[in-house]
């Protein structure tokens, strides 16, 4: 009987020693901490903090990339606007150059045509003097008829080049159209009236290329 009591006492002591051991105390503390809501909440907040920081960093990086992209887009738009303006200026300059070149070519053509017309006009004068000296019977002859046809062809070509004769006889003297080589007293005529045309004058495209040589009444 005493042996059983001693045995029970020994077992109780062993149980108390195990409960008092550091391992048992740590396990109990861990169990208590796990069961404590405050400790659990602090652990959750500690886990959420790095995740929140990562999200904020990601948002910051996205904003930086967006600002960079916006700046690059603005720079591209400014560059495009500058290139467009330069292109428009070059196109305008080229158009002005083209118009100026065409005008110069037209002026050169007119000048060349004028020189040719001035060389043809004496031939026209000869035709007119020759035909004017023929009688009506002579004009009916084939040779005179042929000369008249050639003369009309010349006049047609001059007309196509916008070469027009200047009206002189009976007109008031105009220094812009007429060249007075003689003055004479003519009864019944007003002053500065052209009484005779010695050489016919012509204009080309509205510009005088040869003045009319005339007599003028005083």
Protein backbone atom coordinates (compact mmCIF):
# COMPACT_ATOMS: atom_id res chain seq x y z
CA UNK A 1 0.00 0.00 0.00
CA UNK A 2 2.79 2.40 0.82
CA UNK A 3 4.48 1.49 -2.41
CA UNK A 4 1.45 2.55 -4.44
CA UNK A 5 1.30 5.89 -2.62
CA UNK A 6 4.95 6.51 -3.32
CA UNK A 7 4.40 5.63 -6.94
CA UNK A 8 1.50 8.06 -7.25
CA UNK A 9 3.50 10.82 -5.57
CA UNK A 10 6.35 10.24 -8.02
CA UNK A 11 4.00 10.48 -11.03
CA UNK A 12 2.46 13.72 -9.70
CA UNK A 13 5.89 15.24 -9.28
CA UNK A 14 6.87 14.28 -12.83
CA UNK A 15 3.69 15.89 -14.22
CA UNK A 16 4.39 19.06 -12.25
CA UNK A 17 7.98 19.16 -13.52
CA UNK A 18 6.82 18.78 -17.12
CA UNK A 19 4.33 21.60 -16.70
CA UNK A 20 7.07 23.81 -15.20
CA UNK A 21 9.62 23.01 -17.96
CA UNK A 22 10.54 25.79 -20.50
CA UNK A 23 9.29 23.73 -23.43
CA UNK A 24 5.91 23.44 -21.88
CA UNK A 25 5.84 27.11 -20.99
CA UNK A 26 6.81 28.14 -24.59
CA UNK A 27 4.23 25.90 -26.12
CA UNK A 28 1.64 27.34 -23.81
CA UNK A 29 2.73 30.84 -24.67
CA UNK A 30 2.53 30.03 -28.37
CA UNK A 31 -0.88 28.57 -27.93
CA UNK A 32 -2.02 31.62 -26.03
CA UNK A 33 -0.58 33.97 -28.64
CA UNK A 34 -2.26 32.07 -31.44
CA UNK A 35 -5.51 32.23 -29.60
CA UNK A 36 -5.11 36.00 -28.77
CA UNK A 37 -7.11 38.16 -31.33
CA UNK A 38 -4.85 41.17 -30.80
CA UNK A 39 -1.76 39.24 -31.77
CA UNK A 40 -3.51 37.80 -34.83
CA UNK A 41 -4.62 41.27 -36.00
CA UNK A 42 -1.12 42.68 -35.61
CA UNK A 43 0.23 39.82 -37.69
CA UNK A 44 -2.35 40.44 -40.43
CA UNK A 45 -1.56 44.16 -40.51
CA UNK A 46 2.13 43.37 -40.75
CA UNK A 47 1.41 41.12 -43.74
CA UNK A 48 -0.84 43.73 -45.43
CA UNK A 49 1.68 46.60 -45.11
CA UNK A 50 4.22 45.31 -47.68
CA UNK A 51 1.38 44.54 -50.10
CA UNK A 52 0.02 48.10 -49.74
CA UNK A 53 3.48 49.56 -50.28
CA UNK A 54 3.88 47.46 -53.42
CA UNK A 55 0.54 48.75 -54.76
CA UNK A 56 1.55 52.36 -54.05
CA UNK A 57 4.89 51.82 -55.75
CA UNK A 58 3.14 50.28 -58.76
CA UNK A 59 0.74 53.22 -58.95
CA UNK A 60 3.65 55.68 -58.70
CA UNK A 61 5.53 53.89 -61.48
CA UNK A 62 2.41 53.90 -63.68
CA UNK A 63 1.98 57.65 -63.14
CA UNK A 64 5.63 58.26 -64.02
CA UNK A 65 5.30 56.17 -67.20
CA UNK A 66 2.08 58.02 -68.12
CA UNK A 67 3.74 61.42 -67.63
CA UNK A 68 6.74 60.30 -69.68
CA UNK A 69 4.49 59.02 -72.47
CA UNK A 70 2.50 62.27 -72.44
CA UNK A 71 5.70 64.33 -72.71
CA UNK A 72 6.95 62.16 -75.58
CA UNK A 73 3.60 62.49 -77.36
CA UNK A 74 3.64 66.27 -76.93
CA UNK A 75 7.19 66.43 -78.29
CA UNK A 76 6.15 64.31 -81.30
CA UNK A 77 3.14 66.56 -81.93
CA UNK A 78 5.35 69.67 -81.80
CA UNK A 79 7.84 68.04 -84.16
CA UNK A 80 5.03 67.06 -86.54
CA UNK A 81 3.62 70.60 -86.45
CA UNK A 82 7.07 72.02 -87.19
CA UNK A 83 7.60 69.64 -90.11
CA UNK A 84 4.10 70.38 -91.45
CA UNK A 85 4.74 74.12 -91.28
CA UNK A 86 8.10 73.69 -93.02
CA UNK A 87 6.51 71.55 -95.73
CA UNK A 88 3.74 74.10 -96.29
CA UNK A 89 6.31 76.89 -96.55
CA UNK A 90 8.36 74.90 -99.06
CA UNK A 91 5.25 74.10 -101.09
CA UNK A 92 4.28 77.80 -101.10
CA UNK A 93 7.82 78.77 -102.15
CA UNK A 94 7.79 76.15 -104.89
CA UNK A 95 4.39 77.36 -106.12
CA UNK A 96 5.67 80.95 -106.20
CA UNK A 97 8.79 79.77 -108.02
CA UNK A 98 6.66 77.87 -110.54
CA UNK A 99 4.44 80.89 -111.17
CA UNK A 100 7.43 83.18 -111.45
CA UNK A 101 9.14 80.78 -113.86
CA UNK A 102 6.01 80.47 -115.99
CA UNK A 103 5.68 84.25 -116.05
CA UNK A 104 9.32 84.62 -117.07
CA UNK A 105 8.91 81.99 -119.77
CA UNK A 106 5.78 83.73 -121.06
CA UNK A 107 7.64 87.06 -121.07
CA UNK A 108 10.55 85.48 -122.96
CA UNK A 109 8.13 83.93 -125.44
CA UNK A 110 6.37 87.26 -125.94
CA UNK A 111 9.70 88.98 -126.41
CA UNK A 112 10.79 86.40 -128.99
CA UNK A 113 7.41 86.58 -130.74
CA UNK A 114 7.62 90.37 -130.73
CA UNK A 115 11.00 90.26 -132.45
CA UNK A 116 9.60 87.93 -135.10
CA UNK A 117 6.51 90.09 -135.62
CA UNK A 118 8.64 93.21 -135.99
CA UNK A 119 10.55 91.45 -138.76
CA UNK A 120 7.32 90.39 -140.47
CA UNK A 121 5.64 93.83 -140.36
CA UNK A 122 7.83 95.34 -143.15
CA UNK A 123 6.76 92.42 -145.36
CA UNK A 124 3.13 93.20 -144.55
CA UNK A 125 3.81 96.84 -145.43
CA UNK A 126 5.22 95.76 -148.79
CA UNK A 127 2.16 93.61 -149.50
CA UNK A 128 -0.15 96.50 -148.61
CA UNK A 129 1.72 98.98 -150.79
CA UNK A 130 1.86 96.50 -153.67
CA UNK A 131 -1.84 95.66 -153.48
CA UNK A 132 -2.80 99.31 -153.05
CA UNK A 133 -1.01 100.23 -156.31
CA UNK A 134 -2.95 97.71 -158.39
CA UNK A 135 -5.93 98.65 -160.49
CA UNK A 136 -9.19 96.77 -160.25
CA UNK A 137 -8.35 94.85 -163.46
CA UNK A 138 -4.92 93.89 -162.10
CA UNK A 139 -6.41 92.72 -158.80
CA UNK A 140 -8.58 90.28 -160.77
CA UNK A 141 -5.51 88.62 -162.30
CA UNK A 142 -4.37 85.27 -160.77
CA UNK A 143 -0.97 86.64 -159.63
CA UNK A 144 -2.55 89.56 -157.76
CA UNK A 145 -5.19 87.22 -156.30
CA UNK A 146 -2.40 84.93 -155.05
CA UNK A 147 -0.59 87.87 -153.43
CA UNK A 148 -3.84 88.91 -151.75
CA UNK A 149 -4.31 85.39 -150.33
CA UNK A 150 -0.76 85.36 -148.92
CA UNK A 151 -1.32 88.82 -147.41
CA UNK A 152 -4.56 87.65 -145.73
CA UNK A 153 -2.76 84.61 -144.33
CA UNK A 154 -0.12 86.86 -142.78
CA UNK A 155 -2.80 89.09 -141.25
CA UNK A 156 -4.57 85.98 -139.88
CA UNK A 157 -1.38 84.75 -138.21
CA UNK A 158 -0.73 88.17 -136.71
CA UNK A 159 -4.29 88.28 -135.42
CA UNK A 160 -3.79 84.86 -133.77
CA UNK A 161 -0.79 86.36 -131.95
CA UNK A 162 -3.03 89.22 -130.79
CA UNK A 163 -1.29 91.70 -133.08
CA UNK A 164 -3.70 94.53 -133.95
CA UNK A 165 -3.32 97.62 -136.20
CA UNK A 166 -3.56 101.01 -134.50
CA UNK A 167 -6.35 103.28 -135.62
CA UNK A 168 -4.79 106.56 -136.73
CA UNK A 169 -6.42 108.35 -139.68
CA UNK A 170 -8.99 110.89 -138.46
CA UNK A 171 -8.16 110.17 -134.79
CA UNK A 172 -6.93 112.72 -132.27
CA UNK A 173 -3.18 112.57 -132.00
CA UNK A 174 -2.09 110.37 -129.08
CA UNK A 175 1.60 110.34 -128.21
CA UNK A 176 1.13 106.89 -126.66
CA UNK A 177 0.09 105.47 -130.05
CA UNK A 178 1.24 107.86 -132.75
CA UNK A 179 4.54 109.28 -133.88
CA UNK A 180 4.10 112.64 -135.62
CA UNK A 181 6.65 113.16 -138.41
CA UNK A 182 4.90 116.12 -140.06
CA UNK A 183 2.53 118.94 -139.16
CA UNK A 184 0.40 120.70 -141.75
CA UNK A 185 -2.30 123.30 -142.02
CA UNK A 186 -5.53 121.67 -143.16
CA UNK A 187 -8.71 123.65 -143.53
CA UNK A 188 -11.76 122.09 -141.99
CA UNK A 189 -9.75 119.80 -139.67
CA UNK A 190 -9.52 120.25 -135.95
CA UNK A 191 -6.24 120.77 -134.16
CA UNK A 192 -4.13 117.66 -133.42
CA UNK A 193 -6.11 115.46 -135.77
CA UNK A 194 -4.24 112.82 -137.76
CA UNK A 195 -4.64 113.71 -141.43
CA UNK A 196 -2.47 111.02 -143.01
CA UNK A 197 -0.93 107.67 -142.01
CA UNK A 198 2.54 107.20 -143.45
CA UNK A 199 3.22 103.85 -141.75
CA UNK A 200 0.73 101.67 -139.92
CA UNK A 201 1.36 101.03 -136.25
CA UNK A 202 0.60 97.85 -134.30
CA UNK A 203 -0.01 96.64 -130.77
CA UNK A 204 0.68 93.16 -129.44
CA UNK A 205 -1.38 91.99 -126.46
CA UNK A 206 -2.32 95.61 -125.81
CA UNK A 207 1.27 96.88 -125.87
CA UNK A 208 2.56 99.10 -128.67
CA UNK A 209 5.28 97.35 -130.64
CA UNK A 210 5.38 99.91 -133.46
CA UNK A 211 4.03 103.46 -133.39
CA UNK A 212 1.99 104.83 -136.26
CA UNK A 213 3.93 107.39 -138.34
CA UNK A 214 1.43 110.17 -139.10
CA UNK A 215 0.80 113.71 -140.28
CA UNK A 216 -0.98 115.93 -137.80
CA UNK A 217 -3.07 119.04 -138.46
CA UNK A 218 -2.10 122.18 -136.58
